C-alpha atoms as a PDB file:
ATOM      1  CA  MET A   1     -54.925 -18.039 -32.878  1.00  0.00           C
ATOM      2  CA  ASN A   2     -51.359 -18.473 -33.987  1.00  0.00           C
ATOM      3  CA  PHE A   3     -50.935 -14.678 -33.981  1.00  0.00           C
ATOM      4  CA  TRP A   4     -51.906 -14.407 -30.292  1.00  0.00           C
ATOM      5  CA  VAL A   5     -49.493 -17.175 -29.286  1.00  0.00           C
ATOM      6  CA  LEU A   6     -46.712 -15.243 -31.020  1.00  0.00           C
ATOM      7  CA  VAL A   7     -47.721 -12.022 -29.233  1.00  0.00           C
ATOM      8  CA  TYR A   8     -47.905 -13.873 -25.913  1.00  0.00           C
ATOM      9  CA  ARG A   9     -44.410 -15.373 -26.364  1.00  0.00           C
ATOM     10  CA  LEU A  10     -43.003 -12.044 -27.512  1.00  0.00           C
ATOM     11  CA  ALA A  11     -44.509 -10.348 -24.452  1.00  0.00           C
ATOM     12  CA  TRP A  12     -42.887 -12.923 -22.163  1.00  0.00           C
ATOM     13  CA  MET A  13     -39.528 -12.406 -23.898  1.00  0.00           C
ATOM     14  CA  VAL A  14     -39.827  -8.674 -23.357  1.00  0.00           C
ATOM     15  CA  VAL A  15     -40.694  -9.197 -19.687  1.00  0.00           C
ATOM     16  CA  VAL A  16     -37.775 -11.607 -19.168  1.00  0.00           C
ATOM     17  CA  ALA A  17     -35.344  -9.338 -21.063  1.00  0.00           C
ATOM     18  CA  SER A  18     -36.428  -6.295 -19.070  1.00  0.00           C
ATOM     19  CA  GLY A  19     -36.021  -8.315 -15.857  1.00  0.00           C
ATOM     20  CA  VAL A  20     -32.492  -9.296 -16.840  1.00  0.00           C
ATOM     21  CA  VAL A  21     -31.656  -5.685 -17.712  1.00  0.00           C
ATOM     22  CA  ALA A  22     -33.100  -4.525 -14.382  1.00  0.00           C
ATOM     23  CA  ILE A  23     -31.056  -7.075 -12.467  1.00  0.00           C
ATOM     24  CA  VAL A  24     -27.891  -6.040 -14.323  1.00  0.00           C
ATOM     25  CA  CYS A  25     -28.614  -2.365 -13.658  1.00  0.00           C
ATOM     26  CA  ILE A  26     -29.114  -3.068  -9.966  1.00  0.00           C
ATOM     27  CA  PHE A  27     -26.057  -5.279  -9.397  1.00  0.00           C
ATOM     28  CA  LEU A  28     -23.504  -3.690 -11.740  1.00  0.00           C
ATOM     29  CA  PRO A  29     -22.766  -0.720  -9.430  1.00  0.00           C
ATOM     30  CA  LYS A  30     -22.624  -3.119  -6.475  1.00  0.00           C
ATOM     31  CA  THR A  31     -20.011  -5.271  -8.203  1.00  0.00           C
ATOM     32  CA  HIS A  32     -17.968  -2.171  -9.054  1.00  0.00           C
ATOM     33  CA  ASN A  33     -18.159  -1.054  -5.420  1.00  0.00           C
ATOM     34  CA  TYR A  34     -17.194  -4.558  -4.281  1.00  0.00           C
ATOM     35  CA  GLN A  35     -14.151  -4.564  -6.582  1.00  0.00           C
ATOM     36  CA  THR A  36     -13.097  -1.135  -5.284  1.00  0.00           C
ATOM     37  CA  LEU A  37     -13.371  -2.361  -1.698  1.00  0.00           C
ATOM     38  CA  GLN A  38     -11.400  -5.507  -2.511  1.00  0.00           C
ATOM     39  CA  ASN A  39      -8.583  -3.415  -4.017  1.00  0.00           C
ATOM     40  CA  ARG A  40      -8.563  -1.177  -0.950  1.00  0.00           C
ATOM     41  CA  LYS A  41      -8.473  -4.223   1.327  1.00  0.00           C
ATOM     42  CA  GLU A  42      -5.464  -5.633  -0.532  1.00  0.00           C
ATOM     43  CA  ALA A  43      -3.652  -2.294  -0.291  1.00  0.00           C
ATOM     44  CA  LEU A  44      -4.343  -2.103   3.445  1.00  0.00           C
ATOM     45  CA  GLU A  45      -3.147  -5.687   3.947  1.00  0.00           C
ATOM     46  CA  GLN A  46       0.102  -4.868   2.138  1.00  0.00           C
ATOM     47  CA  GLY A  47       0.502  -1.781   4.312  1.00  0.00           C
ATOM     48  CA  ASN A  48      -0.109  -3.873   7.417  1.00  0.00           C
ATOM     49  CA  ALA A  49       2.482  -6.434   6.304  1.00  0.00           C
ATOM     50  CA  SER A  50       5.119  -3.764   5.760  1.00  0.00           C
ATOM     51  CA  MET A  51       4.271  -2.154   9.101  1.00  0.00           C
ATOM     52  CA  GLU A  52       4.586  -5.529  10.851  1.00  0.00           C
ATOM     53  CA  ALA A  53       7.995  -6.024   9.224  1.00  0.00           C
ATOM     54  CA  ARG A  54       9.103  -2.610  10.509  1.00  0.00           C
ATOM     55  CA  ILE A  55       7.831  -3.479  13.995  1.00  0.00           C
ATOM     56  CA  ARG A  56       9.803  -6.749  13.944  1.00  0.00           C
ATOM     57  CA  GLN A  57      12.921  -4.809  12.885  1.00  0.00           C
ATOM     58  CA  PHE A  58      12.416  -2.325  15.729  1.00  0.00           C
ATOM     59  CA  GLU A  59      11.970  -5.180  18.204  1.00  0.00           C
ATOM     60  CA  GLN A  60      15.203  -6.791  16.984  1.00  0.00           C
ATOM     61  CA  ASN A  61      17.032  -3.473  17.347  1.00  0.00           C
ATOM     62  CA  GLN A  62      15.577  -3.047  20.832  1.00  0.00           C
ATOM     63  CA  LYS A  63      16.877  -6.486  21.858  1.00  0.00           C
ATOM     64  CA  ARG A  64      20.286  -5.676  20.384  1.00  0.00           C
ATOM     65  CA  PHE A  65      20.398  -2.350  22.237  1.00  0.00           C
ATOM     66  CA  ARG A  66      19.830  -4.224  25.488  1.00  0.00           C
ATOM     67  CA  SER A  67      22.350  -7.004  24.888  1.00  0.00           C
ATOM     68  CA  ASP A  68      25.003  -5.887  22.343  1.00  0.00           C
ATOM     69  CA  PRO A  69      27.273  -3.003  23.439  1.00  0.00           C
ATOM     70  CA  ASP A  70      29.047  -2.924  20.061  1.00  0.00           C
ATOM     71  CA  PHE A  71      25.714  -2.295  18.342  1.00  0.00           C
ATOM     72  CA  VAL A  72      24.958   0.525  20.777  1.00  0.00           C
ATOM     73  CA  GLU A  73      28.333   2.141  20.108  1.00  0.00           C
ATOM     74  CA  ARG A  74      28.020   1.772  16.320  1.00  0.00           C
ATOM     75  CA  SER A  75      24.504   3.281  16.387  1.00  0.00           C
ATOM     76  CA  ALA A  76      25.666   6.176  18.553  1.00  0.00           C
ATOM     77  CA  ARG A  77      28.595   6.895  16.247  1.00  0.00           C
ATOM     78  CA  GLU A  78      26.278   6.866  13.216  1.00  0.00           C
ATOM     79  CA  GLN A  79      24.301   9.593  14.998  1.00  0.00           C
ATOM     80  CA  GLY A  80      27.466  11.695  15.380  1.00  0.00           C
ATOM     81  CA  MET A  81      28.095  10.965  19.067  1.00  0.00           C
ATOM     82  CA  ALA A  82      31.543  10.417  20.581  1.00  0.00           C
ATOM     83  CA  LYS A  83      32.986   9.128  23.819  1.00  0.00           C
ATOM     84  CA  PRO A  84      34.147  11.701  26.366  1.00  0.00           C
ATOM     85  CA  GLY A  85      37.567  13.076  25.389  1.00  0.00           C
ATOM     86  CA  GLU A  86      37.314  12.012  21.705  1.00  0.00           C
ATOM     87  CA  THR A  87      37.562  14.535  18.906  1.00  0.00           C
ATOM     88  CA  ILE A  88      35.433  14.147  15.803  1.00  0.00           C
ATOM     89  CA  PHE A  89      36.906  15.170  12.456  1.00  0.00           C
ATOM     90  CA  ARG A  90      34.529  15.737   9.587  1.00  0.00           C
ATOM     91  CA  PHE A  91      35.878  15.948   6.073  1.00  0.00           C
ATOM     92  CA  PRO A  92      34.057  17.325   3.041  1.00  0.00           C
ATOM     93  CA  PRO A  93      33.053  14.803   0.378  1.00  0.00           C
ATOM     94  CA  THR A  94      35.836  13.847  -2.017  1.00  0.00           C
ATOM     95  CA  ASN A  95      33.723  14.624  -5.078  1.00  0.00           C
ATOM     96  CA  PRO A  96      31.640  17.678  -4.248  1.00  0.00           C
ATOM     97  CA  PRO A  97      28.567  18.224  -6.406  1.00  0.00           C
ATOM     98  CA  PRO A  98      29.040  20.759  -9.218  1.00  0.00           C
ATOM     99  CA  ARG A  99      27.961  24.258  -8.358  1.00  0.00           C
ATOM    100  CA  SER A 100      25.416  25.949 -10.554  1.00  0.00           C
ATOM    101  CA  VAL A 101      26.573  29.141 -12.212  1.00  0.00           C
ATOM    102  CA  ARG A 102      24.266  32.072 -11.610  1.00  0.00           C
ATOM    103  CA  PRO A 103      24.036  34.721 -14.353  1.00  0.00           C
END
């Protein structure tokens, strides 16, 4: 009788162990997929935050273009524009990059 109790308990341990292994095999890929999606979500949120910062900067520049004539002039000059009748002089860089010698 003692032998059959041992077999019965061993059978239940095998059933429980196989159930645990089955559960792990089912949910392990799901957890990996969940982690991948979480990482992607964080990357997208960071991208959204940087895009929102750029939008705020553009909105500030837009307000300054409407209200600050000095900003408009400085921006135009950075783009190479000049007022009518002005002459633009462009000078080469003071330290030109070294030229490569071709054989």
